[in-house]
């Protein structure tokens, strides 16, 4: 729907006062103030005391409708980390945007950093205080889990046992270490 918010005041000179005014040959009134006008092209008329009439065509414009897009600048690297970053792009309206995240105070910053996973309620107002709202969801990798398959040694003292790790979650490709120093993509450990 179009919001009617434009006002226009017409004044006249010449002819014989008092003057009356009308929009699009509507009902004449003593006031040249027209309020709550739609964006369009209208004719405005002045009628003087001798019934002489004059007109002017006026185009009332409006800004484009406003909408938001989001740009992921840095994804969250690990489950539970607060290192995501995204940018809010306001399009339309009248530039000079202010941003609010999750109902916090409005500010000039369109980049949200050090962000945890979750839904972000984003509000943007433009110079004319027209407002638009949207939601951005920042995701995170799943928690890394290991599902080991263990093959025990056949006899006490033997070193013929093995286990294989099946990592899941996180972000593949996986590096595995048994000592936190030497990392490899090997998932099968044998001769144990």
C-alpha atoms as a PDB file:
ATOM      1  CA  UNK A   1       0.000   0.000   0.000  1.00  0.00           C
ATOM      2  CA  UNK A   2       1.053   3.560  -0.660  1.00  0.00           C
ATOM      3  CA  UNK A   3       1.457   5.726   2.389  1.00  0.00           C
ATOM      4  CA  UNK A   4      -0.095   9.154   1.881  1.00  0.00           C
ATOM      5  CA  UNK A   5       2.356  11.567   3.435  1.00  0.00           C
ATOM      6  CA  UNK A   6       3.058  14.442   1.067  1.00  0.00           C
ATOM      7  CA  UNK A   7       1.789  17.952   1.724  1.00  0.00           C
ATOM      8  CA  UNK A   8       1.547  20.758  -0.813  1.00  0.00           C
ATOM      9  CA  UNK A   9       0.622  24.411  -0.347  1.00  0.00           C
ATOM     10  CA  UNK A  10      -0.450  26.590  -3.254  1.00  0.00           C
ATOM     11  CA  UNK A  11      -0.651  30.366  -3.099  1.00  0.00           C
ATOM     12  CA  UNK A  12      -2.012  32.706  -5.727  1.00  0.00           C
ATOM     13  CA  UNK A  13      -1.452  36.272  -6.839  1.00  0.00           C
ATOM     14  CA  UNK A  14      -3.118  38.446  -9.466  1.00  0.00           C
ATOM     15  CA  UNK A  15      -6.766  38.251 -10.318  1.00  0.00           C
ATOM     16  CA  UNK A  16      -9.204  39.235  -7.579  1.00  0.00           C
ATOM     17  CA  UNK A  17      -8.963  37.774  -4.112  1.00  0.00           C
ATOM     18  CA  UNK A  18     -10.208  35.871  -2.189  1.00  0.00           C
ATOM     19  CA  UNK A  19      -9.007  32.697  -3.875  1.00  0.00           C
ATOM     20  CA  UNK A  20     -10.288  29.162  -3.676  1.00  0.00           C
ATOM     21  CA  UNK A  21      -8.325  26.009  -4.456  1.00  0.00           C
ATOM     22  CA  UNK A  22      -9.046  22.483  -5.640  1.00  0.00           C
ATOM     23  CA  UNK A  23      -7.190  19.318  -6.600  1.00  0.00           C
ATOM     24  CA  UNK A  24      -8.171  17.635  -9.880  1.00  0.00           C
ATOM     25  CA  UNK A  25     -11.369  19.758 -10.201  1.00  0.00           C
ATOM     26  CA  UNK A  26     -12.586  18.502  -6.877  1.00  0.00           C
ATOM     27  CA  UNK A  27     -14.469  20.619  -4.383  1.00  0.00           C
ATOM     28  CA  UNK A  28     -13.024  24.132  -3.990  1.00  0.00           C
ATOM     29  CA  UNK A  29     -12.008  25.384  -0.542  1.00  0.00           C
ATOM     30  CA  UNK A  30     -10.480  28.539   0.935  1.00  0.00           C
ATOM     31  CA  UNK A  31      -7.258  26.744   1.887  1.00  0.00           C
ATOM     32  CA  UNK A  32      -4.403  26.176  -0.535  1.00  0.00           C
ATOM     33  CA  UNK A  33      -2.960  23.488   1.770  1.00  0.00           C
ATOM     34  CA  UNK A  34      -3.376  19.930   0.504  1.00  0.00           C
ATOM     35  CA  UNK A  35      -2.265  17.154   2.868  1.00  0.00           C
ATOM     36  CA  UNK A  36      -1.812  13.393   2.748  1.00  0.00           C
ATOM     37  CA  UNK A  37      -1.314  13.326  -1.014  1.00  0.00           C
ATOM     38  CA  UNK A  38      -0.436  10.214  -3.025  1.00  0.00           C
ATOM     39  CA  UNK A  39       2.611  10.030  -5.240  1.00  0.00           C
ATOM     40  CA  UNK A  40       1.245  10.842  -8.689  1.00  0.00           C
ATOM     41  CA  UNK A  41       0.663  13.680 -11.147  1.00  0.00           C
ATOM     42  CA  UNK A  42      -2.185  15.981 -10.146  1.00  0.00           C
ATOM     43  CA  UNK A  43      -3.711  19.201 -11.384  1.00  0.00           C
ATOM     44  CA  UNK A  44      -4.311  21.989  -8.859  1.00  0.00           C
ATOM     45  CA  UNK A  45      -6.711  24.831  -9.594  1.00  0.00           C
ATOM     46  CA  UNK A  46      -7.112  28.398  -8.322  1.00  0.00           C
ATOM     47  CA  UNK A  47     -10.448  30.158  -8.632  1.00  0.00           C
ATOM     48  CA  UNK A  48     -10.604  33.915  -7.979  1.00  0.00           C
ATOM     49  CA  UNK A  49     -13.575  36.091  -6.931  1.00  0.00           C
ATOM     50  CA  UNK A  50     -14.446  36.764 -10.598  1.00  0.00           C
ATOM     51  CA  UNK A  51     -14.607  32.998 -11.339  1.00  0.00           C
ATOM     52  CA  UNK A  52     -11.381  33.144 -13.342  1.00  0.00           C
ATOM     53  CA  UNK A  53      -9.491  29.869 -13.090  1.00  0.00           C
ATOM     54  CA  UNK A  54      -5.831  28.961 -13.383  1.00  0.00           C
ATOM     55  CA  UNK A  55      -4.128  25.586 -13.035  1.00  0.00           C
ATOM     56  CA  UNK A  56      -0.776  24.001 -12.467  1.00  0.00           C
ATOM     57  CA  UNK A  57       0.335  20.402 -12.878  1.00  0.00           C
ATOM     58  CA  UNK A  58       2.410  18.981 -10.016  1.00  0.00           C
ATOM     59  CA  UNK A  59       4.202  15.646  -9.869  1.00  0.00           C
ATOM     60  CA  UNK A  60       4.570  14.232  -6.378  1.00  0.00           C
ATOM     61  CA  UNK A  61       7.261  11.593  -6.260  1.00  0.00           C
ATOM     62  CA  UNK A  62       8.245   9.035  -3.651  1.00  0.00           C
ATOM     63  CA  UNK A  63      11.414   7.065  -2.925  1.00  0.00           C
ATOM     64  CA  UNK A  64      11.650   3.475  -4.099  1.00  0.00           C
ATOM     65  CA  UNK A  65      10.400   0.909  -1.618  1.00  0.00           C
ATOM     66  CA  UNK A  66      13.073  -0.221   0.814  1.00  0.00           C
ATOM     67  CA  UNK A  67      14.385  -3.758   1.253  1.00  0.00           C
ATOM     68  CA  UNK A  68      17.428  -5.463   2.750  1.00  0.00           C
ATOM     69  CA  UNK A  69      19.996  -7.944   1.579  1.00  0.00           C
ATOM     70  CA  UNK A  70      22.693  -9.581   3.656  1.00  0.00           C
ATOM     71  CA  UNK A  71      26.284 -10.436   2.819  1.00  0.00           C
ATOM     72  CA  UNK A  72      28.121 -13.061   4.889  1.00  0.00           C
ATOM     73  CA  UNK A  73      31.623 -11.630   5.362  1.00  0.00           C
ATOM     74  CA  UNK A  74      33.020 -14.344   7.670  1.00  0.00           C
ATOM     75  CA  UNK A  75      31.285 -17.596   8.578  1.00  0.00           C
ATOM     76  CA  UNK A  76      31.545 -18.971  12.105  1.00  0.00           C
ATOM     77  CA  UNK A  77      34.560 -21.280  12.024  1.00  0.00           C
ATOM     78  CA  UNK A  78      33.750 -23.724  14.862  1.00  0.00           C
ATOM     79  CA  UNK A  79      30.759 -24.780  16.915  1.00  0.00           C
ATOM     80  CA  UNK A  80      30.166 -22.337  19.774  1.00  0.00           C
ATOM     81  CA  UNK A  81      32.523 -19.648  18.445  1.00  0.00           C
ATOM     82  CA  UNK A  82      31.440 -15.983  18.249  1.00  0.00           C
ATOM     83  CA  UNK A  83      33.439 -15.018  15.178  1.00  0.00           C
ATOM     84  CA  UNK A  84      30.794 -14.621  12.475  1.00  0.00           C
ATOM     85  CA  UNK A  85      30.484 -11.375  10.558  1.00  0.00           C
ATOM     86  CA  UNK A  86      27.798 -10.144   8.171  1.00  0.00           C
ATOM     87  CA  UNK A  87      26.871  -6.931   6.409  1.00  0.00           C
ATOM     88  CA  UNK A  88      23.431  -5.371   6.006  1.00  0.00           C
ATOM     89  CA  UNK A  89      22.725  -3.758   2.633  1.00  0.00           C
ATOM     90  CA  UNK A  90      19.767  -1.363   2.561  1.00  0.00           C
ATOM     91  CA  UNK A  91      18.342  -0.680  -0.880  1.00  0.00           C
ATOM     92  CA  UNK A  92      15.714   1.919  -1.763  1.00  0.00           C
ATOM     93  CA  UNK A  93      14.191   4.484   0.531  1.00  0.00           C
ATOM     94  CA  UNK A  94      16.240   7.631   1.024  1.00  0.00           C
ATOM     95  CA  UNK A  95      19.922   7.008   1.881  1.00  0.00           C
ATOM     96  CA  UNK A  96      21.217   7.964   5.279  1.00  0.00           C
ATOM     97  CA  UNK A  97      20.352   4.644   6.895  1.00  0.00           C
ATOM     98  CA  UNK A  98      20.454   3.726  10.574  1.00  0.00           C
ATOM     99  CA  UNK A  99      20.571   0.089  11.709  1.00  0.00           C
ATOM    100  CA  UNK A 100      19.275  -1.754  14.776  1.00  0.00           C
ATOM    101  CA  UNK A 101      20.077  -5.372  15.629  1.00  0.00           C
ATOM    102  CA  UNK A 102      17.749  -7.311  17.948  1.00  0.00           C
ATOM    103  CA  UNK A 103      15.980  -4.125  19.090  1.00  0.00           C
ATOM    104  CA  UNK A 104      19.173  -2.402  20.263  1.00  0.00           C
ATOM    105  CA  UNK A 105      19.764   1.311  19.656  1.00  0.00           C
ATOM    106  CA  UNK A 106      19.961   2.501  16.046  1.00  0.00           C
ATOM    107  CA  UNK A 107      23.447   3.369  14.765  1.00  0.00           C
ATOM    108  CA  UNK A 108      25.378   3.908  11.528  1.00  0.00           C
ATOM    109  CA  UNK A 109      27.166   0.526  11.549  1.00  0.00           C
ATOM    110  CA  UNK A 110      25.946  -1.842   8.827  1.00  0.00           C
ATOM    111  CA  UNK A 111      28.471  -4.570   9.746  1.00  0.00           C
ATOM    112  CA  UNK A 112      27.794  -6.991  12.585  1.00  0.00           C
ATOM    113  CA  UNK A 113      30.944  -8.703  13.875  1.00  0.00           C
ATOM    114  CA  UNK A 114      31.990 -11.087  16.651  1.00  0.00           C
ATOM    115  CA  UNK A 115      28.586 -12.659  16.220  1.00  0.00           C
ATOM    116  CA  UNK A 116      27.429 -16.023  17.562  1.00  0.00           C
ATOM    117  CA  UNK A 117      25.073 -18.306  15.659  1.00  0.00           C
ATOM    118  CA  UNK A 118      21.421 -17.345  15.762  1.00  0.00           C
ATOM    119  CA  UNK A 119      18.631 -15.286  14.256  1.00  0.00           C
ATOM    120  CA  UNK A 120      19.193 -11.543  14.011  1.00  0.00           C
ATOM    121  CA  UNK A 121      16.185  -9.218  13.867  1.00  0.00           C
ATOM    122  CA  UNK A 122      17.340  -6.289  11.706  1.00  0.00           C
ATOM    123  CA  UNK A 123      15.582  -2.924  11.505  1.00  0.00           C
ATOM    124  CA  UNK A 124      16.665  -0.128   9.170  1.00  0.00           C
ATOM    125  CA  UNK A 125      15.349   3.433   8.994  1.00  0.00           C
ATOM    126  CA  UNK A 126      16.168   5.874   6.232  1.00  0.00           C
ATOM    127  CA  UNK A 127      16.527   9.670   6.320  1.00  0.00           C
ATOM    128  CA  UNK A 128      12.731  10.060   6.165  1.00  0.00           C
ATOM    129  CA  UNK A 129      12.311   7.643   9.101  1.00  0.00           C
ATOM    130  CA  UNK A 130      10.734   5.022   6.831  1.00  0.00           C
ATOM    131  CA  UNK A 131      11.447   1.639   8.380  1.00  0.00           C
ATOM    132  CA  UNK A 132      12.039  -1.850   7.031  1.00  0.00           C
ATOM    133  CA  UNK A 133      12.593  -5.070   8.972  1.00  0.00           C
ATOM    134  CA  UNK A 134      14.033  -8.462   8.106  1.00  0.00           C
ATOM    135  CA  UNK A 135      15.718 -11.428   9.771  1.00  0.00           C
ATOM    136  CA  UNK A 136      19.154 -12.873   9.066  1.00  0.00           C
ATOM    137  CA  UNK A 137      20.188 -16.319  10.295  1.00  0.00           C
ATOM    138  CA  UNK A 138      23.868 -16.868  11.045  1.00  0.00           C
ATOM    139  CA  UNK A 139      24.680 -20.574  11.139  1.00  0.00           C
ATOM    140  CA  UNK A 140      27.572 -22.496  12.648  1.00  0.00           C
ATOM    141  CA  UNK A 141      29.148 -25.873  11.947  1.00  0.00           C
ATOM    142  CA  UNK A 142      27.846 -28.817  13.943  1.00  0.00           C
ATOM    143  CA  UNK A 143      29.801 -29.947  16.983  1.00  0.00           C
ATOM    144  CA  UNK A 144      32.638 -32.294  15.969  1.00  0.00           C
ATOM    145  CA  UNK A 145      32.042 -35.849  17.111  1.00  0.00           C
ATOM    146  CA  UNK A 146      34.021 -39.060  16.754  1.00  0.00           C
ATOM    147  CA  UNK A 147      32.432 -42.446  16.358  1.00  0.00           C
ATOM    148  CA  UNK A 148      35.284 -44.922  16.922  1.00  0.00           C
ATOM    149  CA  UNK A 149      35.269 -48.515  15.721  1.00  0.00           C
ATOM    150  CA  UNK A 150      37.555 -50.477  18.075  1.00  0.00           C
ATOM    151  CA  UNK A 151      39.187 -53.847  17.352  1.00  0.00           C
ATOM    152  CA  UNK A 152      40.823 -55.049  20.569  1.00  0.00           C
ATOM    153  CA  UNK A 153      44.112 -56.975  20.675  1.00  0.00           C
ATOM    154  CA  UNK A 154      43.812 -60.734  20.297  1.00  0.00           C
ATOM    155  CA  UNK A 155      45.950 -61.542  23.342  1.00  0.00           C
ATOM    156  CA  UNK A 156      47.477 -59.791  26.318  1.00  0.00           C
ATOM    157  CA  UNK A 157      50.711 -58.074  25.338  1.00  0.00           C
ATOM    158  CA  UNK A 158      50.049 -58.283  21.622  1.00  0.00           C
ATOM    159  CA  UNK A 159      50.112 -55.114  19.563  1.00  0.00           C
ATOM    160  CA  UNK A 160      47.540 -56.075  16.971  1.00  0.00           C
ATOM    161  CA  UNK A 161      44.631 -53.941  18.114  1.00  0.00           C
ATOM    162  CA  UNK A 162      43.276 -51.071  16.060  1.00  0.00           C
ATOM    163  CA  UNK A 163      40.652 -48.401  16.001  1.00  0.00           C
ATOM    164  CA  UNK A 164      39.225 -46.228  13.306  1.00  0.00           C
ATOM    165  CA  UNK A 165      37.702 -42.810  13.864  1.00  0.00           C
ATOM    166  CA  UNK A 166      34.719 -41.586  11.913  1.00  0.00           C
ATOM    167  CA  UNK A 167      34.578 -37.829  12.481  1.00  0.00           C
ATOM    168  CA  UNK A 168      31.361 -35.923  11.843  1.00  0.00           C
ATOM    169  CA  UNK A 169      30.247 -32.317  12.245  1.00  0.00           C
ATOM    170  CA  UNK A 170      32.591 -29.361  11.978  1.00  0.00           C
ATOM    171  CA  UNK A 171      33.836 -28.556   8.493  1.00  0.00           C
ATOM    172  CA  UNK A 172      35.477 -31.400   6.510  1.00  0.00           C
ATOM    173  CA  UNK A 173      38.318 -32.199   5.635  1.00  0.00           C
ATOM    174  CA  UNK A 174      39.436 -33.451   9.026  1.00  0.00           C
ATOM    175  CA  UNK A 175      42.893 -33.566  10.557  1.00  0.00           C
ATOM    176  CA  UNK A 176      43.378 -36.049  13.404  1.00  0.00           C
ATOM    177  CA  UNK A 177      46.080 -36.236  16.070  1.00  0.00           C
ATOM    178  CA  UNK A 178      46.623 -38.668  18.925  1.00  0.00           C
ATOM    179  CA  UNK A 179      49.144 -36.404  20.663  1.00  0.00           C
ATOM    180  CA  UNK A 180      47.946 -32.865  19.750  1.00  0.00           C
ATOM    181  CA  UNK A 181      51.232 -32.326  17.882  1.00  0.00           C
ATOM    182  CA  UNK A 182      51.242 -34.495  14.789  1.00  0.00           C
ATOM    183  CA  UNK A 183      48.202 -33.991  12.577  1.00  0.00           C
ATOM    184  CA  UNK A 184      47.165 -36.109   9.609  1.00  0.00           C
ATOM    185  CA  UNK A 185      44.136 -37.151   7.600  1.00  0.00           C
ATOM    186  CA  UNK A 186      44.595 -40.803   8.638  1.00  0.00           C
ATOM    187  CA  UNK A 187      41.592 -42.182  10.494  1.00  0.00           C
ATOM    188  CA  UNK A 188      42.795 -45.808  11.007  1.00  0.00           C
ATOM    189  CA  UNK A 189      45.306 -46.499  13.763  1.00  0.00           C
ATOM    190  CA  UNK A 190      46.621 -50.038  14.020  1.00  0.00           C
ATOM    191  CA  UNK A 191      49.383 -52.126  15.618  1.00  0.00           C
ATOM    192  CA  UNK A 192      48.327 -50.849  19.001  1.00  0.00           C
END
